[in-house]
PDB file of all heavy atoms in Angstrom:
ATOM      1  N   GLU A   1     -76.429 -44.382 -35.989  1.00  0.00           N
ATOM      2  CA  GLU A   1     -75.384 -45.335 -36.373  1.00  0.00           C
ATOM      3  C   GLU A   1     -74.210 -44.670 -37.084  1.00  0.00           C
ATOM      4  O   GLU A   1     -73.108 -45.229 -37.128  1.00  0.00           O
ATOM      5  CB  GLU A   1     -75.978 -46.424 -37.282  1.00  0.00           C
ATOM      6  CG  GLU A   1     -76.894 -47.400 -36.563  1.00  0.00           C
ATOM      7  CD  GLU A   1     -78.298 -46.839 -36.338  1.00  0.00           C
ATOM      8  OE1 GLU A   1     -78.584 -45.720 -36.824  1.00  0.00           O
ATOM      9  OE2 GLU A   1     -79.098 -47.516 -35.674  1.00  0.00           O
ATOM     10  N   ALA A   2     -74.444 -43.495 -37.663  1.00  0.00           N
ATOM     11  CA  ALA A   2     -73.379 -42.814 -38.405  1.00  0.00           C
ATOM     12  C   ALA A   2     -72.389 -42.126 -37.477  1.00  0.00           C
ATOM     13  O   ALA A   2     -71.308 -41.724 -37.922  1.00  0.00           O
ATOM     14  CB  ALA A   2     -73.986 -41.796 -39.366  1.00  0.00           C
ATOM     15  N   PHE A   3     -72.748 -41.985 -36.209  1.00  0.00           N
ATOM     16  CA  PHE A   3     -71.902 -41.270 -35.256  1.00  0.00           C
ATOM     17  C   PHE A   3     -71.559 -39.879 -35.811  1.00  0.00           C
ATOM     18  O   PHE A   3     -72.411 -39.033 -35.920  1.00  0.00           O
ATOM     19  CB  PHE A   3     -70.639 -42.073 -34.908  1.00  0.00           C
ATOM     20  CG  PHE A   3     -70.904 -43.170 -33.924  1.00  0.00           C
ATOM     21  CD1 PHE A   3     -71.427 -44.382 -34.343  1.00  0.00           C
ATOM     22  CD2 PHE A   3     -70.649 -42.993 -32.572  1.00  0.00           C
ATOM     23  CE1 PHE A   3     -71.688 -45.393 -33.434  1.00  0.00           C
ATOM     24  CE2 PHE A   3     -70.903 -44.002 -31.650  1.00  0.00           C
ATOM     25  CZ  PHE A   3     -71.434 -45.199 -32.083  1.00  0.00           C
ATOM     26  N   TYR A   4     -70.278 -39.655 -36.185  1.00  0.00           N
ATOM     27  CA  TYR A   4     -69.846 -38.325 -36.609  1.00  0.00           C
ATOM     28  C   TYR A   4     -69.257 -38.317 -38.018  1.00  0.00           C
ATOM     29  O   TYR A   4     -68.550 -37.391 -38.399  1.00  0.00           O
ATOM     30  CB  TYR A   4     -68.813 -37.772 -35.617  1.00  0.00           C
ATOM     31  CG  TYR A   4     -69.288 -37.846 -34.188  1.00  0.00           C
ATOM     32  CD1 TYR A   4     -68.794 -38.802 -33.310  1.00  0.00           C
ATOM     33  CD2 TYR A   4     -70.276 -36.984 -33.725  1.00  0.00           C
ATOM     34  CE1 TYR A   4     -69.252 -38.887 -31.994  1.00  0.00           C
ATOM     35  CE2 TYR A   4     -70.740 -37.053 -32.419  1.00  0.00           C
ATOM     36  CZ  TYR A   4     -70.221 -38.010 -31.566  1.00  0.00           C
ATOM     37  OH  TYR A   4     -70.682 -38.088 -30.277  1.00  0.00           O
ATOM     38  N   ALA A   5     -69.564 -39.352 -38.806  1.00  0.00           N
ATOM     39  CA  ALA A   5     -68.983 -39.476 -40.140  1.00  0.00           C
ATOM     40  C   ALA A   5     -70.075 -39.597 -41.197  1.00  0.00           C
ATOM     41  O   ALA A   5     -71.222 -39.922 -40.897  1.00  0.00           O
ATOM     42  CB  ALA A   5     -68.061 -40.696 -40.198  1.00  0.00           C
ATOM     43  N   GLY A   6     -69.680 -39.340 -42.434  1.00  0.00           N
ATOM     44  CA  GLY A   6     -70.611 -39.507 -43.535  1.00  0.00           C
ATOM     45  C   GLY A   6     -71.394 -38.248 -43.856  1.00  0.00           C
ATOM     46  O   GLY A   6     -71.243 -37.215 -43.205  1.00  0.00           O
ATOM     47  N   PRO A   7     -72.230 -38.331 -44.882  1.00  0.00           N
ATOM     48  CA  PRO A   7     -72.977 -37.154 -45.338  1.00  0.00           C
ATOM     49  C   PRO A   7     -73.969 -36.648 -44.297  1.00  0.00           C
ATOM     50  O   PRO A   7     -74.490 -37.403 -43.480  1.00  0.00           O
ATOM     51  CB  PRO A   7     -73.698 -37.651 -46.600  1.00  0.00           C
ATOM     52  CG  PRO A   7     -73.776 -39.142 -46.426  1.00  0.00           C
ATOM     53  CD  PRO A   7     -72.541 -39.529 -45.691  1.00  0.00           C
ATOM     54  N   VAL A   8     -74.212 -35.361 -44.343  1.00  0.00           N
ATOM     55  CA  VAL A   8     -75.181 -34.707 -43.462  1.00  0.00           C
ATOM     56  C   VAL A   8     -76.462 -34.478 -44.257  1.00  0.00           C
ATOM     57  O   VAL A   8     -76.418 -33.985 -45.391  1.00  0.00           O
ATOM     58  CB  VAL A   8     -74.626 -33.365 -42.943  1.00  0.00           C
ATOM     59  CG1 VAL A   8     -75.668 -32.637 -42.096  1.00  0.00           C
ATOM     60  CG2 VAL A   8     -73.350 -33.603 -42.133  1.00  0.00           C
ATOM     61  N   ALA A   9     -77.599 -34.844 -43.671  1.00  0.00           N
ATOM     62  CA  ALA A   9     -78.892 -34.732 -44.367  1.00  0.00           C
ATOM     63  C   ALA A   9     -79.406 -33.297 -44.302  1.00  0.00           C
ATOM     64  O   ALA A   9     -80.324 -32.974 -43.542  1.00  0.00           O
ATOM     65  CB  ALA A   9     -79.895 -35.711 -43.768  1.00  0.00           C
ATOM     66  N   PHE A  10     -78.816 -32.446 -45.138  1.00  0.00           N
ATOM     67  CA  PHE A  10     -79.241 -31.047 -45.175  1.00  0.00           C
ATOM     68  C   PHE A  10     -80.730 -30.924 -45.461  1.00  0.00           C
ATOM     69  O   PHE A  10     -81.419 -30.049 -44.927  1.00  0.00           O
ATOM     70  CB  PHE A  10     -78.471 -30.292 -46.257  1.00  0.00           C
ATOM     71  CG  PHE A  10     -76.983 -30.269 -46.088  1.00  0.00           C
ATOM     72  CD1 PHE A  10     -76.158 -30.682 -47.114  1.00  0.00           C
ATOM     73  CD2 PHE A  10     -76.403 -29.822 -44.909  1.00  0.00           C
ATOM     74  CE1 PHE A  10     -74.774 -30.655 -46.975  1.00  0.00           C
ATOM     75  CE2 PHE A  10     -75.026 -29.782 -44.751  1.00  0.00           C
ATOM     76  CZ  PHE A  10     -74.210 -30.206 -45.790  1.00  0.00           C
ATOM     77  N   ASP A  11     -81.223 -31.814 -46.360  1.00  0.00           N
ATOM     78  CA  ASP A  11     -82.615 -31.705 -46.798  1.00  0.00           C
ATOM     79  C   ASP A  11     -83.594 -31.923 -45.648  1.00  0.00           C
ATOM     80  O   ASP A  11     -84.649 -31.273 -45.591  1.00  0.00           O
ATOM     81  CB  ASP A  11     -82.896 -32.686 -47.931  1.00  0.00           C
ATOM     82  CG  ASP A  11     -82.567 -34.128 -47.564  1.00  0.00           C
ATOM     83  OD1 ASP A  11     -81.640 -34.346 -46.748  1.00  0.00           O
ATOM     84  OD2 ASP A  11     -83.228 -35.040 -48.078  1.00  0.00           O
ATOM     85  N   ILE A  12     -83.264 -32.832 -44.733  1.00  0.00           N
ATOM     86  CA  ILE A  12     -84.167 -33.074 -43.600  1.00  0.00           C
ATOM     87  C   ILE A  12     -84.181 -31.865 -42.664  1.00  0.00           C
ATOM     88  O   ILE A  12     -85.242 -31.441 -42.185  1.00  0.00           O
ATOM     89  CB  ILE A  12     -83.782 -34.364 -42.860  1.00  0.00           C
ATOM     90  CG1 ILE A  12     -84.034 -35.575 -43.772  1.00  0.00           C
ATOM     91  CG2 ILE A  12     -84.563 -34.499 -41.552  1.00  0.00           C
ATOM     92  CD1 ILE A  12     -83.725 -36.917 -43.138  1.00  0.00           C
ATOM     93  N   ILE A  13     -83.009 -31.296 -42.408  1.00  0.00           N
ATOM     94  CA  ILE A  13     -82.952 -30.100 -41.557  1.00  0.00           C
ATOM     95  C   ILE A  13     -83.757 -28.978 -42.203  1.00  0.00           C
ATOM     96  O   ILE A  13     -84.541 -28.290 -41.537  1.00  0.00           O
ATOM     97  CB  ILE A  13     -81.493 -29.671 -41.323  1.00  0.00           C
ATOM     98  CG1 ILE A  13     -80.696 -30.778 -40.621  1.00  0.00           C
ATOM     99  CG2 ILE A  13     -81.448 -28.390 -40.485  1.00  0.00           C
ATOM    100  CD1 ILE A  13     -79.212 -30.487 -40.459  1.00  0.00           C
ATOM    101  N   ARG A  14     -83.596 -28.794 -43.499  1.00  0.00           N
ATOM    102  CA  ARG A  14     -84.339 -27.748 -44.207  1.00  0.00           C
ATOM    103  C   ARG A  14     -85.845 -27.994 -44.150  1.00  0.00           C
ATOM    104  O   ARG A  14     -86.627 -27.060 -43.911  1.00  0.00           O
ATOM    105  CB  ARG A  14     -83.887 -27.670 -45.666  1.00  0.00           C
ATOM    106  CG  ARG A  14     -84.688 -26.669 -46.501  1.00  0.00           C
ATOM    107  CD  ARG A  14     -84.212 -26.605 -47.927  1.00  0.00           C
ATOM    108  NE  ARG A  14     -82.991 -25.835 -48.048  1.00  0.00           N
ATOM    109  CZ  ARG A  14     -82.944 -24.515 -48.176  1.00  0.00           C
ATOM    110  NH1 ARG A  14     -84.065 -23.803 -48.178  1.00  0.00           N
ATOM    111  NH2 ARG A  14     -81.796 -23.898 -48.297  1.00  0.00           N
ATOM    112  N   THR A  15     -86.263 -29.236 -44.336  1.00  0.00           N
ATOM    113  CA  THR A  15     -87.691 -29.562 -44.296  1.00  0.00           C
ATOM    114  C   THR A  15     -88.298 -29.198 -42.952  1.00  0.00           C
ATOM    115  O   THR A  15     -89.387 -28.620 -42.871  1.00  0.00           O
ATOM    116  CB  THR A  15     -87.910 -31.056 -44.598  1.00  0.00           C
ATOM    117  OG1 THR A  15     -87.464 -31.331 -45.934  1.00  0.00           O
ATOM    118  CG2 THR A  15     -89.378 -31.442 -44.466  1.00  0.00           C
ATOM    119  N   VAL A  16     -87.592 -29.536 -41.879  1.00  0.00           N
ATOM    120  CA  VAL A  16     -88.090 -29.221 -40.542  1.00  0.00           C
ATOM    121  C   VAL A  16     -88.158 -27.706 -40.348  1.00  0.00           C
ATOM    122  O   VAL A  16     -89.152 -27.168 -39.841  1.00  0.00           O
ATOM    123  CB  VAL A  16     -87.204 -29.868 -39.460  1.00  0.00           C
ATOM    124  CG1 VAL A  16     -87.644 -29.423 -38.070  1.00  0.00           C
ATOM    125  CG2 VAL A  16     -87.253 -31.389 -39.567  1.00  0.00           C
ATOM    126  N   ARG A  17     -87.110 -27.013 -40.752  1.00  0.00           N
ATOM    127  CA  ARG A  17     -87.093 -25.553 -40.590  1.00  0.00           C
ATOM    128  C   ARG A  17     -88.252 -24.906 -41.349  1.00  0.00           C
ATOM    129  O   ARG A  17     -88.925 -24.009 -40.830  1.00  0.00           O
ATOM    130  CB  ARG A  17     -85.764 -24.989 -41.103  1.00  0.00           C
ATOM    131  CG  ARG A  17     -85.614 -23.487 -40.873  1.00  0.00           C
ATOM    132  CD  ARG A  17     -84.421 -22.927 -41.611  1.00  0.00           C
ATOM    133  NE  ARG A  17     -84.558 -23.058 -43.049  1.00  0.00           N
ATOM    134  CZ  ARG A  17     -85.295 -22.268 -43.817  1.00  0.00           C
ATOM    135  NH1 ARG A  17     -85.984 -21.269 -43.283  1.00  0.00           N
ATOM    136  NH2 ARG A  17     -85.358 -22.446 -45.120  1.00  0.00           N
ATOM    137  N   GLU A  18     -88.493 -25.356 -42.569  1.00  0.00           N
ATOM    138  CA  GLU A  18     -89.555 -24.762 -43.375  1.00  0.00           C
ATOM    139  C   GLU A  18     -90.946 -25.096 -42.838  1.00  0.00           C
ATOM    140  O   GLU A  18     -91.878 -24.293 -42.944  1.00  0.00           O
ATOM    141  CB  GLU A  18     -89.421 -25.214 -44.823  1.00  0.00           C
ATOM    142  CG  GLU A  18     -88.176 -24.632 -45.514  1.00  0.00           C
ATOM    143  CD  GLU A  18     -87.985 -25.149 -46.921  1.00  0.00           C
ATOM    144  OE1 GLU A  18     -88.660 -26.147 -47.294  1.00  0.00           O
ATOM    145  OE2 GLU A  18     -87.158 -24.561 -47.660  1.00  0.00           O
ATOM    146  N   ALA A  19     -91.077 -26.285 -42.234  1.00  0.00           N
ATOM    147  CA  ALA A  19     -92.385 -26.700 -41.710  1.00  0.00           C
ATOM    148  C   ALA A  19     -92.725 -26.013 -40.394  1.00  0.00           C
ATOM    149  O   ALA A  19     -93.905 -25.913 -40.039  1.00  0.00           O
ATOM    150  CB  ALA A  19     -92.413 -28.219 -41.525  1.00  0.00           C
ATOM    151  N   LEU A  20     -91.695 -25.551 -39.665  1.00  0.00           N
ATOM    152  CA  LEU A  20     -91.911 -24.932 -38.354  1.00  0.00           C
ATOM    153  C   LEU A  20     -91.262 -23.552 -38.320  1.00  0.00           C
ATOM    154  O   LEU A  20     -90.277 -23.323 -37.608  1.00  0.00           O
ATOM    155  CB  LEU A  20     -91.326 -25.826 -37.253  1.00  0.00           C
ATOM    156  CG  LEU A  20     -91.879 -27.257 -37.176  1.00  0.00           C
ATOM    157  CD1 LEU A  20     -91.087 -28.090 -36.178  1.00  0.00           C
ATOM    158  CD2 LEU A  20     -93.352 -27.242 -36.797  1.00  0.00           C
ATOM    159  N   PRO A  21     -91.780 -22.605 -39.080  1.00  0.00           N
ATOM    160  CA  PRO A  21     -91.140 -21.289 -39.194  1.00  0.00           C
ATOM    161  C   PRO A  21     -91.116 -20.497 -37.898  1.00  0.00           C
ATOM    162  O   PRO A  21     -90.332 -19.561 -37.754  1.00  0.00           O
ATOM    163  CB  PRO A  21     -91.982 -20.581 -40.262  1.00  0.00           C
ATOM    164  CG  PRO A  21     -93.323 -21.264 -40.189  1.00  0.00           C
ATOM    165  CD  PRO A  21     -93.015 -22.698 -39.873  1.00  0.00           C
ATOM    166  N   GLY A  22     -91.937 -20.867 -36.920  1.00  0.00           N
ATOM    167  CA  GLY A  22     -91.953 -20.146 -35.654  1.00  0.00           C
ATOM    168  C   GLY A  22     -90.933 -20.623 -34.649  1.00  0.00           C
ATOM    169  O   GLY A  22     -90.820 -20.059 -33.555  1.00  0.00           O
ATOM    170  N   LEU A  23     -90.174 -21.655 -35.007  1.00  0.00           N
ATOM    171  CA  LEU A  23     -89.200 -22.242 -34.073  1.00  0.00           C
ATOM    172  C   LEU A  23     -87.797 -22.076 -34.624  1.00  0.00           C
ATOM    173  O   LEU A  23     -87.548 -22.358 -35.800  1.00  0.00           O
ATOM    174  CB  LEU A  23     -89.503 -23.733 -33.880  1.00  0.00           C
ATOM    175  CG  LEU A  23     -88.524 -24.523 -32.998  1.00  0.00           C
ATOM    176  CD1 LEU A  23     -88.652 -24.101 -31.534  1.00  0.00           C
ATOM    177  CD2 LEU A  23     -88.776 -26.026 -33.140  1.00  0.00           C
ATOM    178  N   GLN A  24     -86.851 -21.646 -33.789  1.00  0.00           N
ATOM    179  CA  GLN A  24     -85.472 -21.541 -34.235  1.00  0.00           C
ATOM    180  C   GLN A  24     -84.849 -22.931 -34.346  1.00  0.00           C
ATOM    181  O   GLN A  24     -84.824 -23.693 -33.375  1.00  0.00           O
ATOM    182  CB  GLN A  24     -84.641 -20.683 -33.278  1.00  0.00           C
ATOM    183  CG  GLN A  24     -83.224 -20.429 -33.791  1.00  0.00           C
ATOM    184  CD  GLN A  24     -82.454 -19.419 -32.962  1.00  0.00           C
ATOM    185  OE1 GLN A  24     -82.566 -19.394 -31.735  1.00  0.00           O
ATOM    186  NE2 GLN A  24     -81.663 -18.574 -33.613  1.00  0.00           N
ATOM    187  N   ILE A  25     -84.356 -23.260 -35.527  1.00  0.00           N
ATOM    188  CA  ILE A  25     -83.664 -24.524 -35.776  1.00  0.00           C
ATOM    189  C   ILE A  25     -82.188 -24.221 -35.961  1.00  0.00           C
ATOM    190  O   ILE A  25     -81.808 -23.388 -36.784  1.00  0.00           O
ATOM    191  CB  ILE A  25     -84.215 -25.234 -37.032  1.00  0.00           C
ATOM    192  CG1 ILE A  25     -85.715 -25.531 -36.874  1.00  0.00           C
ATOM    193  CG2 ILE A  25     -83.432 -26.515 -37.303  1.00  0.00           C
ATOM    194  CD1 ILE A  25     -86.046 -26.504 -35.761  1.00  0.00           C
ATOM    195  N   ILE A  26     -81.353 -24.914 -35.203  1.00  0.00           N
ATOM    196  CA  ILE A  26     -79.902 -24.766 -35.300  1.00  0.00           C
ATOM    197  C   ILE A  26     -79.354 -25.980 -36.031  1.00  0.00           C
ATOM    198  O   ILE A  26     -79.648 -27.114 -35.659  1.00  0.00           O
ATOM    199  CB  ILE A  26     -79.251 -24.631 -33.916  1.00  0.00           C
ATOM    200  CG1 ILE A  26     -79.760 -23.361 -33.218  1.00  0.00           C
ATOM    201  CG2 ILE A  26     -77.743 -24.584 -34.007  1.00  0.00           C
ATOM    202  CD1 ILE A  26     -80.661 -23.603 -32.065  1.00  0.00           C
ATOM    203  N   ALA A  27     -78.582 -25.752 -37.076  1.00  0.00           N
ATOM    204  CA  ALA A  27     -78.022 -26.843 -37.872  1.00  0.00           C
ATOM    205  C   ALA A  27     -76.696 -27.293 -37.286  1.00  0.00           C
ATOM    206  O   ALA A  27     -75.893 -26.478 -36.834  1.00  0.00           O
ATOM    207  CB  ALA A  27     -77.836 -26.392 -39.316  1.00  0.00           C
ATOM    208  N   ASN A  28     -76.452 -28.613 -37.328  1.00  0.00           N
ATOM    209  CA  ASN A  28     -75.254 -29.186 -36.703  1.00  0.00           C
ATOM    210  C   ASN A  28     -74.800 -30.408 -37.497  1.00  0.00           C
ATOM    211  O   ASN A  28     -75.621 -31.166 -37.994  1.00  0.00           O
ATOM    212  CB  ASN A  28     -75.578 -29.571 -35.257  1.00  0.00           C
ATOM    213  CG  ASN A  28     -74.465 -30.336 -34.558  1.00  0.00           C
ATOM    214  OD1 ASN A  28     -74.701 -31.407 -34.025  1.00  0.00           O
ATOM    215  ND2 ASN A  28     -73.253 -29.816 -34.553  1.00  0.00           N
ATOM    216  N   GLY A  29     -73.479 -30.561 -37.593  1.00  0.00           N
ATOM    217  CA  GLY A  29     -72.926 -31.765 -38.207  1.00  0.00           C
ATOM    218  C   GLY A  29     -71.940 -31.465 -39.321  1.00  0.00           C
ATOM    219  O   GLY A  29     -72.301 -30.901 -40.356  1.00  0.00           O
ATOM    220  N   GLY A  30     -70.668 -31.822 -39.102  1.00  0.00           N
ATOM    221  CA  GLY A  30     -69.687 -31.776 -40.176  1.00  0.00           C
ATOM    222  C   GLY A  30     -69.126 -30.423 -40.525  1.00  0.00           C
ATOM    223  O   GLY A  30     -68.450 -30.281 -41.556  1.00  0.00           O
ATOM    224  N   VAL A  31     -69.345 -29.399 -39.701  1.00  0.00           N
ATOM    225  CA  VAL A  31     -68.810 -28.070 -40.015  1.00  0.00           C
ATOM    226  C   VAL A  31     -67.389 -27.969 -39.456  1.00  0.00           C
ATOM    227  O   VAL A  31     -67.196 -27.814 -38.257  1.00  0.00           O
ATOM    228  CB  VAL A  31     -69.707 -26.954 -39.448  1.00  0.00           C
ATOM    229  CG1 VAL A  31     -69.078 -25.582 -39.726  1.00  0.00           C
ATOM    230  CG2 VAL A  31     -71.095 -27.030 -40.058  1.00  0.00           C
ATOM    231  N   THR A  32     -66.419 -28.073 -40.354  1.00  0.00           N
ATOM    232  CA  THR A  32     -65.009 -28.052 -39.941  1.00  0.00           C
ATOM    233  C   THR A  32     -64.229 -26.930 -40.607  1.00  0.00           C
ATOM    234  O   THR A  32     -63.018 -26.824 -40.404  1.00  0.00           O
ATOM    235  CB  THR A  32     -64.337 -29.398 -40.284  1.00  0.00           C
ATOM    236  OG1 THR A  32     -64.503 -29.651 -41.694  1.00  0.00           O
ATOM    237  CG2 THR A  32     -64.959 -30.539 -39.494  1.00  0.00           C
ATOM    238  N   SER A  33     -64.910 -26.097 -41.400  1.00  0.00           N
ATOM    239  CA  SER A  33     -64.231 -25.026 -42.118  1.00  0.00           C
ATOM    240  C   SER A  33     -65.243 -23.961 -42.511  1.00  0.00           C
ATOM    241  O   SER A  33     -66.459 -24.175 -42.430  1.00  0.00           O
ATOM    242  CB  SER A  33     -63.560 -25.572 -43.387  1.00  0.00           C
ATOM    243  OG  SER A  33     -64.557 -26.033 -44.305  1.00  0.00           O
ATOM    244  N   LEU A  34     -64.743 -22.825 -42.969  1.00  0.00           N
ATOM    245  CA  LEU A  34     -65.614 -21.761 -43.472  1.00  0.00           C
ATOM    246  C   LEU A  34     -66.441 -22.263 -44.645  1.00  0.00           C
ATOM    247  O   LEU A  34     -67.633 -21.970 -44.749  1.00  0.00           O
ATOM    248  CB  LEU A  34     -64.767 -20.553 -43.887  1.00  0.00           C
ATOM    249  CG  LEU A  34     -65.505 -19.407 -44.570  1.00  0.00           C
ATOM    250  CD1 LEU A  34     -66.565 -18.798 -43.659  1.00  0.00           C
ATOM    251  CD2 LEU A  34     -64.512 -18.346 -45.045  1.00  0.00           C
ATOM    252  N   GLU A  35     -65.804 -23.013 -45.534  1.00  0.00           N
ATOM    253  CA  GLU A  35     -66.512 -23.534 -46.709  1.00  0.00           C
ATOM    254  C   GLU A  35     -67.673 -24.434 -46.297  1.00  0.00           C
ATOM    255  O   GLU A  35     -68.794 -24.325 -46.820  1.00  0.00           O
ATOM    256  CB  GLU A  35     -65.542 -24.308 -47.597  1.00  0.00           C
ATOM    257  CG  GLU A  35     -66.178 -24.887 -48.847  1.00  0.00           C
ATOM    258  CD  GLU A  35     -65.205 -25.706 -49.680  1.00  0.00           C
ATOM    259  OE1 GLU A  35     -64.026 -25.842 -49.279  1.00  0.00           O
ATOM    260  OE2 GLU A  35     -65.620 -26.202 -50.737  1.00  0.00           O
ATOM    261  N   LYS A  36     -67.454 -25.313 -45.323  1.00  0.00           N
ATOM    262  CA  LYS A  36     -68.520 -26.232 -44.896  1.00  0.00           C
ATOM    263  C   LYS A  36     -69.592 -25.492 -44.088  1.00  0.00           C
ATOM    264  O   LYS A  36     -70.762 -25.886 -44.112  1.00  0.00           O
ATOM    265  CB  LYS A  36     -67.918 -27.385 -44.111  1.00  0.00           C
ATOM    266  CG  LYS A  36     -67.106 -28.320 -45.008  1.00  0.00           C
ATOM    267  CD  LYS A  36     -66.518 -29.494 -44.250  1.00  0.00           C
ATOM    268  CE  LYS A  36     -65.747 -30.404 -45.206  1.00  0.00           C
ATOM    269  NZ  LYS A  36     -65.101 -31.534 -44.492  1.00  0.00           N
ATOM    270  N   TYR A  37     -69.190 -24.451 -43.393  1.00  0.00           N
ATOM    271  CA  TYR A  37     -70.168 -23.611 -42.703  1.00  0.00           C
ATOM    272  C   TYR A  37     -71.095 -22.956 -43.713  1.00  0.00           C
ATOM    273  O   TYR A  37     -72.325 -22.945 -43.541  1.00  0.00           O
ATOM    274  CB  TYR A  37     -69.435 -22.557 -41.874  1.00  0.00           C
ATOM    275  CG  TYR A  37     -70.311 -21.435 -41.369  1.00  0.00           C
ATOM    276  CD1 TYR A  37     -71.146 -21.610 -40.264  1.00  0.00           C
ATOM    277  CD2 TYR A  37     -70.303 -20.185 -42.005  1.00  0.00           C
ATOM    278  CE1 TYR A  37     -71.947 -20.570 -39.798  1.00  0.00           C
ATOM    279  CE2 TYR A  37     -71.095 -19.149 -41.539  1.00  0.00           C
ATOM    280  CZ  TYR A  37     -71.920 -19.347 -40.444  1.00  0.00           C
ATOM    281  OH  TYR A  37     -72.718 -18.323 -39.985  1.00  0.00           O
TER     282      TYR A  37
END
């Protein structure tokens, strides 16, 4: 429902990455600058 606006749930992406260390997780959402990257 958020489409492309609003906060990005960094914590959920991190939780998945930490729970599945054998799988490459690529993060996506809201990266529009070096600072946000």
